[in-house]
N, C-alpha and C. Protein backbone atom coordinates (compact mmCIF):
# COMPACT_ATOMS: atom_id res chain seq x y z
N MET A 1 89.22 87.40 115.12
CA MET A 1 88.20 88.09 114.16
C MET A 1 88.50 87.44 113.03
N THR A 2 87.60 87.20 112.40
CA THR A 2 87.84 86.80 110.77
C THR A 2 87.32 87.72 110.37
N VAL A 3 88.17 88.35 108.96
CA VAL A 3 88.07 89.50 108.02
C VAL A 3 87.86 88.68 106.69
N VAL A 4 86.59 89.26 105.98
CA VAL A 4 86.39 88.64 105.02
C VAL A 4 86.61 89.51 103.78
N LEU A 5 87.72 89.04 102.93
CA LEU A 5 87.74 90.48 101.94
C LEU A 5 87.36 89.58 100.59
N SER A 6 86.81 88.42 100.55
CA SER A 6 86.06 88.10 99.08
C SER A 6 85.24 88.81 98.65
N GLY A 7 84.73 88.57 97.41
CA GLY A 7 83.38 88.99 96.98
C GLY A 7 82.32 88.00 97.30
N MET A 8 81.17 88.42 96.78
CA MET A 8 80.08 87.59 96.86
C MET A 8 79.67 86.86 95.54
N ASN A 9 80.30 85.86 95.04
CA ASN A 9 80.06 85.17 94.07
C ASN A 9 79.09 83.67 94.14
N SER A 10 78.58 83.54 95.31
CA SER A 10 78.05 82.21 95.24
C SER A 10 77.21 82.61 96.76
N LEU A 11 75.85 81.96 96.90
CA LEU A 11 75.18 81.71 98.00
C LEU A 11 76.16 81.44 99.41
N GLU A 12 77.09 80.36 99.16
CA GLU A 12 78.16 80.35 100.38
C GLU A 12 78.88 81.24 100.63
N MET A 13 79.26 81.92 99.98
CA MET A 13 80.10 82.91 100.31
C MET A 13 79.23 84.14 100.79
N VAL A 14 77.87 84.54 100.67
CA VAL A 14 77.21 84.97 101.20
C VAL A 14 76.86 84.92 102.42
N ARG A 15 76.73 83.59 102.60
CA ARG A 15 76.52 83.16 104.41
C ARG A 15 77.40 83.23 104.91
N GLU A 16 78.65 82.72 104.51
CA GLU A 16 80.21 83.47 105.36
C GLU A 16 80.34 84.85 105.69
N ASN A 17 79.85 85.62 104.51
CA ASN A 17 79.99 87.17 105.10
C ASN A 17 79.08 87.56 106.02
N ILE A 18 78.14 86.95 106.12
CA ILE A 18 76.85 87.14 107.03
C ILE A 18 77.29 86.90 108.07
N ARG A 19 77.68 85.21 108.05
CA ARG A 19 78.43 84.86 109.74
C ARG A 19 79.44 85.48 110.13
N ALA A 20 80.29 85.71 109.53
CA ALA A 20 81.43 86.92 110.07
C ALA A 20 81.23 88.08 110.34
N ALA A 21 80.13 88.58 109.84
CA ALA A 21 79.93 90.07 110.33
C ALA A 21 79.03 90.09 111.34
N SER A 22 78.22 88.76 111.62
CA SER A 22 77.25 88.61 112.70
C SER A 22 78.37 88.32 113.99
N GLU A 23 79.23 87.97 113.94
CA GLU A 23 80.19 87.79 114.78
C GLU A 23 81.29 88.96 115.42
N ALA A 24 81.73 89.72 114.28
CA ALA A 24 82.02 90.78 114.82
C ALA A 24 81.49 91.94 115.97
N LYS A 25 82.37 92.42 116.52
CA LYS A 25 82.19 93.51 117.67
C LYS A 25 82.81 94.80 117.54
N ALA A 26 82.01 95.74 117.98
CA ALA A 26 82.59 96.98 117.87
C ALA A 26 84.22 96.91 118.76
N GLY A 27 85.25 97.85 118.20
CA GLY A 27 86.24 97.79 118.89
C GLY A 27 87.14 96.63 118.72
N GLU A 28 86.70 95.41 118.02
CA GLU A 28 87.76 94.45 118.06
C GLU A 28 88.97 94.43 117.16
N LEU A 29 89.18 95.83 116.51
CA LEU A 29 90.13 95.56 115.38
C LEU A 29 91.42 95.97 116.59
N THR A 30 92.59 95.58 116.07
CA THR A 30 93.50 95.91 116.96
C THR A 30 94.61 97.19 116.49
N LYS A 31 95.21 97.80 117.17
CA LYS A 31 96.02 98.86 116.60
C LYS A 31 96.83 98.44 115.50
N THR A 32 97.44 97.28 115.24
CA THR A 32 98.06 96.42 114.08
C THR A 32 97.22 96.37 112.99
N ASP A 33 95.90 96.14 113.31
CA ASP A 33 94.73 95.98 112.20
C ASP A 33 94.53 97.52 111.75
N MET A 34 94.28 98.14 112.54
CA MET A 34 94.23 99.72 111.96
C MET A 34 95.10 100.08 111.13
N GLU A 35 96.38 99.97 111.84
CA GLU A 35 97.56 100.30 110.88
C GLU A 35 97.76 99.77 109.46
N LEU A 36 97.43 98.51 109.45
CA LEU A 36 97.54 98.02 108.22
C LEU A 36 96.46 98.39 107.03
N PHE A 37 95.20 98.55 107.47
CA PHE A 37 94.03 99.36 106.95
C PHE A 37 94.63 100.81 106.13
N ARG A 38 95.32 101.44 107.30
CA ARG A 38 95.70 102.63 106.99
C ARG A 38 96.58 102.74 105.96
N ARG A 39 97.47 101.91 106.03
CA ARG A 39 98.88 101.36 104.76
C ARG A 39 98.36 101.05 103.69
N VAL A 40 97.24 100.22 103.74
CA VAL A 40 96.60 99.65 102.56
C VAL A 40 95.74 100.92 101.62
N LYS A 41 95.00 101.65 102.52
CA LYS A 41 94.37 102.81 101.99
C LYS A 41 95.02 104.04 101.17
N GLU A 42 96.40 103.99 102.19
CA GLU A 42 97.18 105.31 101.60
C GLU A 42 98.17 104.86 99.98
N GLU A 43 98.24 103.09 100.23
CA GLU A 43 99.06 102.89 99.17
C GLU A 43 97.99 103.13 98.10
N ILE A 44 96.62 102.80 97.87
CA ILE A 44 95.35 102.68 96.83
C ILE A 44 95.54 104.15 96.44
N ASN A 45 95.26 104.97 97.60
CA ASN A 45 95.14 106.53 97.30
C ASN A 45 96.30 107.32 96.27
N LYS A 46 97.99 106.50 96.41
CA LYS A 46 98.69 106.93 96.22
C LYS A 46 98.64 106.69 94.23
N ARG A 47 98.27 105.44 93.96
CA ARG A 47 97.78 105.09 93.03
C ARG A 47 96.76 105.56 92.23
N LEU A 48 95.56 106.20 92.92
CA LEU A 48 94.41 106.84 92.28
C LEU A 48 94.68 107.84 91.29
N LYS A 49 94.04 107.90 90.21
CA LYS A 49 94.31 108.78 89.22
C LYS A 49 93.22 109.76 89.22
N VAL A 50 91.84 109.46 89.58
CA VAL A 50 90.64 110.21 89.82
C VAL A 50 89.95 110.07 90.85
N GLY A 51 89.72 110.88 91.78
CA GLY A 51 89.11 110.60 92.95
C GLY A 51 87.46 110.45 92.77
N CYS A 52 87.15 109.80 91.98
CA CYS A 52 85.60 109.75 91.84
C CYS A 52 84.88 108.80 92.35
N THR A 53 83.81 108.84 92.98
CA THR A 53 83.34 108.08 94.01
C THR A 53 81.98 107.17 93.12
N ALA A 54 82.02 107.40 91.99
CA ALA A 54 80.70 106.99 91.20
C ALA A 54 79.54 107.46 91.48
N CYS A 55 79.21 108.52 92.19
CA CYS A 55 78.08 108.74 92.56
C CYS A 55 76.86 108.80 91.57
N GLY A 56 77.56 109.45 90.27
CA GLY A 56 76.22 109.56 89.20
C GLY A 56 75.74 110.90 89.06
N TYR A 57 76.09 111.82 89.84
CA TYR A 57 75.75 112.90 89.60
C TYR A 57 76.15 113.63 88.07
N CYS A 58 77.07 113.50 87.66
CA CYS A 58 77.54 113.76 86.55
C CYS A 58 76.91 113.58 85.06
N MET A 59 76.17 112.43 85.67
CA MET A 59 75.34 111.81 84.34
C MET A 59 73.87 112.40 84.36
N PRO A 60 73.27 112.30 83.23
CA PRO A 60 73.68 111.57 82.18
C PRO A 60 74.73 112.53 81.59
N CYS A 61 75.12 111.98 80.68
CA CYS A 61 76.37 112.80 79.95
C CYS A 61 75.28 112.95 78.58
N PRO A 62 75.54 114.47 77.82
CA PRO A 62 74.90 114.40 76.50
C PRO A 62 75.55 113.55 75.29
N GLN A 63 76.54 113.12 75.27
CA GLN A 63 77.01 112.42 74.33
C GLN A 63 77.15 110.71 74.99
N GLY A 64 76.78 110.36 76.17
CA GLY A 64 76.53 109.01 76.22
C GLY A 64 77.58 108.43 76.98
N ILE A 65 78.81 109.18 77.56
CA ILE A 65 79.98 108.75 78.14
C ILE A 65 79.47 108.35 79.46
N ASP A 66 80.06 107.11 79.72
CA ASP A 66 80.12 106.72 80.90
C ASP A 66 80.94 106.98 81.97
N ILE A 67 80.86 108.27 82.26
CA ILE A 67 82.00 109.00 82.93
C ILE A 67 82.52 108.17 84.31
N PRO A 68 81.71 107.94 85.20
CA PRO A 68 82.06 106.99 86.45
C PRO A 68 82.74 105.64 85.87
N GLY A 69 82.46 105.48 84.85
CA GLY A 69 82.89 103.75 84.23
C GLY A 69 84.20 104.04 83.75
N THR A 70 84.39 105.26 82.94
CA THR A 70 85.77 105.76 82.19
C THR A 70 86.68 105.83 83.79
N PHE A 71 86.09 106.57 84.90
CA PHE A 71 87.20 106.64 85.79
C PHE A 71 87.64 105.42 86.25
N ARG A 72 86.69 104.70 86.35
CA ARG A 72 86.77 103.46 86.97
C ARG A 72 87.71 102.69 86.32
N CYS A 73 87.66 102.43 84.89
CA CYS A 73 88.49 101.97 84.28
C CYS A 73 90.08 102.63 84.37
N TYR A 74 89.97 103.78 84.53
CA TYR A 74 91.60 104.37 84.63
C TYR A 74 92.10 103.89 85.52
N ASN A 75 91.46 104.47 86.72
CA ASN A 75 92.07 104.01 87.88
C ASN A 75 92.46 102.55 88.10
N GLU A 76 91.37 101.63 87.48
CA GLU A 76 91.97 100.16 87.69
C GLU A 76 93.32 100.03 86.97
N MET A 77 93.62 100.62 85.94
CA MET A 77 94.89 100.66 85.17
C MET A 77 96.06 100.69 86.20
N TYR A 78 95.92 101.50 87.06
CA TYR A 78 97.28 102.04 88.22
C TYR A 78 96.88 101.25 89.52
N ILE A 79 95.90 100.99 89.80
CA ILE A 79 95.43 100.25 91.19
C ILE A 79 95.86 98.60 91.07
N GLU A 80 95.26 97.97 89.85
CA GLU A 80 95.31 96.69 89.65
C GLU A 80 96.64 96.44 88.70
N ARG A 81 96.24 96.67 87.51
CA ARG A 81 96.92 96.45 86.32
C ARG A 81 96.76 97.29 85.19
N PRO A 82 97.64 97.51 84.09
CA PRO A 82 97.28 98.24 83.01
C PRO A 82 96.02 97.34 82.18
N GLY A 83 96.42 96.14 81.87
CA GLY A 83 95.69 95.04 81.06
C GLY A 83 94.30 94.82 81.57
N ALA A 84 93.97 95.08 82.63
CA ALA A 84 92.43 94.80 83.24
C ALA A 84 91.60 96.15 83.36
N GLY A 85 92.31 97.36 83.24
CA GLY A 85 91.71 98.62 83.04
C GLY A 85 91.14 98.61 81.73
N ARG A 86 92.20 98.57 80.65
CA ARG A 86 91.81 98.80 79.24
C ARG A 86 90.83 97.81 78.83
N LYS A 87 91.15 96.34 79.04
CA LYS A 87 90.19 95.49 78.74
C LYS A 87 88.72 96.02 79.38
N GLU A 88 88.32 96.22 80.32
CA GLU A 88 86.94 96.45 80.97
C GLU A 88 86.50 97.85 80.04
N TYR A 89 87.38 98.59 79.89
CA TYR A 89 86.96 99.74 78.99
C TYR A 89 86.78 99.87 77.66
N LEU A 90 87.52 98.70 77.03
CA LEU A 90 87.13 98.39 75.94
C LEU A 90 85.82 97.48 75.73
N MET A 91 85.41 96.87 76.63
CA MET A 91 84.28 96.10 76.60
C MET A 91 83.08 96.76 77.02
N THR A 92 83.44 97.96 77.76
CA THR A 92 81.95 98.70 78.32
C THR A 92 81.86 100.05 77.31
N THR A 93 82.93 100.09 76.58
CA THR A 93 82.50 101.46 75.48
C THR A 93 82.55 101.07 73.91
N ALA A 94 83.57 100.14 73.57
CA ALA A 94 83.65 99.99 72.10
C ALA A 94 82.58 98.67 71.68
N PHE A 95 82.38 97.96 72.75
CA PHE A 95 81.37 97.10 72.32
C PHE A 95 80.02 97.16 72.35
N ARG A 96 79.46 98.25 71.90
CA ARG A 96 78.42 98.71 72.25
C ARG A 96 77.94 99.14 70.24
N LYS A 97 76.63 98.83 70.30
CA LYS A 97 75.99 99.71 68.97
C LYS A 97 76.59 101.28 69.12
N ASN A 98 75.99 101.73 70.20
CA ASN A 98 76.64 103.24 70.14
C ASN A 98 77.63 103.62 70.67
N GLN A 99 78.71 103.43 70.05
CA GLN A 99 79.96 103.71 71.22
C GLN A 99 80.33 104.87 72.05
N ASN A 100 80.64 104.69 73.27
CA ASN A 100 80.55 105.75 73.66
C ASN A 100 81.90 106.02 74.69
N PRO A 101 82.78 105.88 73.67
CA PRO A 101 84.16 106.22 74.52
C PRO A 101 84.52 108.02 75.03
N ALA A 102 85.46 107.86 76.04
CA ALA A 102 85.61 109.63 76.38
C ALA A 102 86.04 110.56 75.50
N SER A 103 86.97 110.10 74.38
CA SER A 103 87.24 110.74 73.86
C SER A 103 86.12 111.43 72.70
N LYS A 104 84.84 111.10 72.89
CA LYS A 104 83.50 111.67 72.45
C LYS A 104 83.34 113.10 73.10
N CYS A 105 83.69 113.02 74.21
CA CYS A 105 83.57 114.30 74.90
C CYS A 105 83.34 115.74 74.25
N ILE A 106 82.49 116.67 74.22
CA ILE A 106 82.57 117.78 73.18
C ILE A 106 82.79 118.94 74.52
N ARG A 107 83.31 118.64 75.85
CA ARG A 107 83.90 119.77 76.66
C ARG A 107 82.87 120.52 76.89
N CYS A 108 81.26 120.18 76.99
CA CYS A 108 80.15 121.13 77.55
C CYS A 108 80.33 121.62 78.95
N GLY A 109 80.65 120.62 79.53
CA GLY A 109 81.02 121.16 81.21
C GLY A 109 79.71 121.04 82.05
N LYS A 110 78.57 120.50 81.45
CA LYS A 110 77.44 120.26 82.09
C LYS A 110 77.63 119.28 83.42
N CYS A 111 78.78 118.20 83.28
CA CYS A 111 79.20 116.84 84.26
C CYS A 111 79.78 118.04 85.30
N GLU A 112 80.54 118.88 85.30
CA GLU A 112 81.52 119.34 86.14
C GLU A 112 80.40 120.17 86.91
N ARG A 113 79.29 120.74 86.75
CA ARG A 113 78.88 121.56 87.25
C ARG A 113 77.89 120.61 88.41
N HIS A 114 77.63 119.66 88.37
CA HIS A 114 76.98 118.64 89.39
C HIS A 114 77.83 117.59 90.20
N CYS A 115 79.43 117.69 89.81
CA CYS A 115 80.27 117.01 90.59
C CYS A 115 80.47 117.49 92.18
N PRO A 116 79.92 116.88 93.01
CA PRO A 116 80.39 117.15 94.40
C PRO A 116 81.64 116.86 94.89
N GLN A 117 82.65 116.07 94.24
CA GLN A 117 83.93 115.99 94.24
C GLN A 117 84.70 117.28 93.82
N LYS A 118 84.08 117.75 92.77
CA LYS A 118 84.61 118.99 92.06
C LYS A 118 85.70 118.67 91.46
N ILE A 119 85.57 117.43 90.76
CA ILE A 119 86.65 117.23 89.53
C ILE A 119 86.45 117.60 88.33
N GLU A 120 87.75 117.90 88.24
CA GLU A 120 87.72 118.71 86.67
C GLU A 120 87.39 117.60 85.60
N ILE A 121 86.37 117.34 85.51
CA ILE A 121 85.89 115.98 84.64
C ILE A 121 86.34 116.00 83.10
N ARG A 122 86.29 117.10 82.34
CA ARG A 122 86.72 117.64 80.91
C ARG A 122 87.95 117.14 81.39
N LYS A 123 89.07 117.74 81.65
CA LYS A 123 90.42 117.51 81.91
C LYS A 123 90.84 115.80 81.85
N GLU A 124 90.05 115.43 82.99
CA GLU A 124 90.62 114.26 83.46
C GLU A 124 89.74 112.93 82.41
N LEU A 125 88.91 113.33 81.53
CA LEU A 125 88.09 112.22 80.28
C LEU A 125 89.41 112.51 79.47
N GLU A 126 89.87 113.51 79.21
CA GLU A 126 90.96 113.59 78.23
C GLU A 126 92.00 112.54 78.49
N ARG A 127 92.49 113.14 79.94
CA ARG A 127 93.60 112.18 80.23
C ARG A 127 93.25 110.69 80.07
N ALA A 128 92.25 110.03 80.58
CA ALA A 128 91.76 108.82 80.56
C ALA A 128 91.87 108.49 79.17
N SER A 129 91.25 109.15 77.89
CA SER A 129 90.94 108.87 76.95
C SER A 129 92.33 108.66 76.18
N SER A 130 93.34 109.43 76.79
CA SER A 130 94.60 109.55 76.01
C SER A 130 95.54 108.12 76.59
N GLU A 131 95.02 107.44 77.45
CA GLU A 131 95.89 106.30 77.86
C GLU A 131 94.79 104.90 77.80
N LEU A 132 93.60 105.08 77.71
CA LEU A 132 92.85 103.82 77.50
C LEU A 132 92.51 103.42 76.30
N GLU A 133 92.43 104.70 75.34
CA GLU A 133 92.21 104.51 73.75
C GLU A 133 93.25 104.52 73.18
N ASN A 134 94.23 103.34 73.18
CA ASN A 134 95.28 103.62 72.61
C ASN A 134 95.10 102.66 71.10
N VAL A 135 96.29 101.93 70.31
CA VAL A 135 96.14 101.95 69.26
C VAL A 135 95.65 100.50 68.99
N ARG A 136 95.49 99.84 70.07
CA ARG A 136 94.74 98.67 70.08
C ARG A 136 93.22 98.80 70.25
N TYR A 137 93.08 99.58 71.13
CA TYR A 137 91.79 100.13 71.52
C TYR A 137 91.05 100.44 69.89
N LYS A 138 91.70 101.41 69.28
CA LYS A 138 90.89 101.83 68.28
C LYS A 138 90.83 101.01 67.17
N ALA A 139 91.80 100.06 66.87
CA ALA A 139 91.45 98.82 66.03
C ALA A 139 90.38 97.81 66.55
N ALA A 140 90.27 97.59 67.50
CA ALA A 140 89.06 96.77 68.29
C ALA A 140 87.80 97.54 67.98
N SER A 141 88.11 98.91 68.19
CA SER A 141 86.66 99.57 67.89
C SER A 141 86.33 99.92 66.84
N TRP A 142 87.22 99.85 65.84
CA TRP A 142 86.97 99.81 64.31
C TRP A 142 86.33 98.64 64.20
N LEU A 143 87.16 97.55 64.36
CA LEU A 143 86.49 96.36 63.97
C LEU A 143 84.99 95.95 64.51
N VAL A 144 84.82 96.25 65.59
CA VAL A 144 83.55 96.31 66.09
C VAL A 144 82.46 96.81 65.07
N LYS A 145 82.61 98.32 65.09
CA LYS A 145 81.98 98.82 63.94
C LYS A 145 81.59 98.36 62.78
N VAL A 146 82.88 97.76 61.96
CA VAL A 146 82.71 97.17 60.98
C VAL A 146 82.06 95.73 60.58
N PHE A 147 82.30 95.01 61.29
CA PHE A 147 81.87 93.73 61.76
C PHE A 147 80.17 93.46 62.49
N LYS A 148 79.88 94.70 62.93
CA LYS A 148 78.62 95.22 64.03
C LYS A 148 78.71 94.03 65.05
N ILE A 149 79.79 93.78 65.83
CA ILE A 149 79.88 93.17 66.82
C ILE A 149 79.57 93.69 68.44
N TRP A 150 78.41 93.78 68.83
CA TRP A 150 78.14 94.34 70.01
C TRP A 150 77.12 93.77 70.77
N ARG A 151 77.13 94.19 71.94
CA ARG A 151 76.27 93.48 72.77
C ARG A 151 74.92 94.34 73.30
């Protein structure tokens, strides 16, 4: 069996994923395969900071904060690499006409009332903000405002 782990960035990749999926059969994974998946999942979960599934029930935020996006970037810092999470966060929050960083949270709690995972969103946004909005972020955010560089 072939396991396709790549994304779908081209029509050829889509075709390859369809081919692989159409050839797969139930029960085809071995105990070794299942153990590998279990270990990978365990390792990812150890590094995960916020168990957000990006369901969006916490949205919209009255302050315009992209709560699931913030948590995705925060988790990416620990699952992939810090620079990747910070860059993504900068691009999706600071490079906007109306900047929407996690530090804009007014702690109203509206988001938490709707979260099916019962995440303490206000607390987690504060943690994410303290790590994602470092000195470089703040400088870049200021430059974007001053020079009106937004998407």
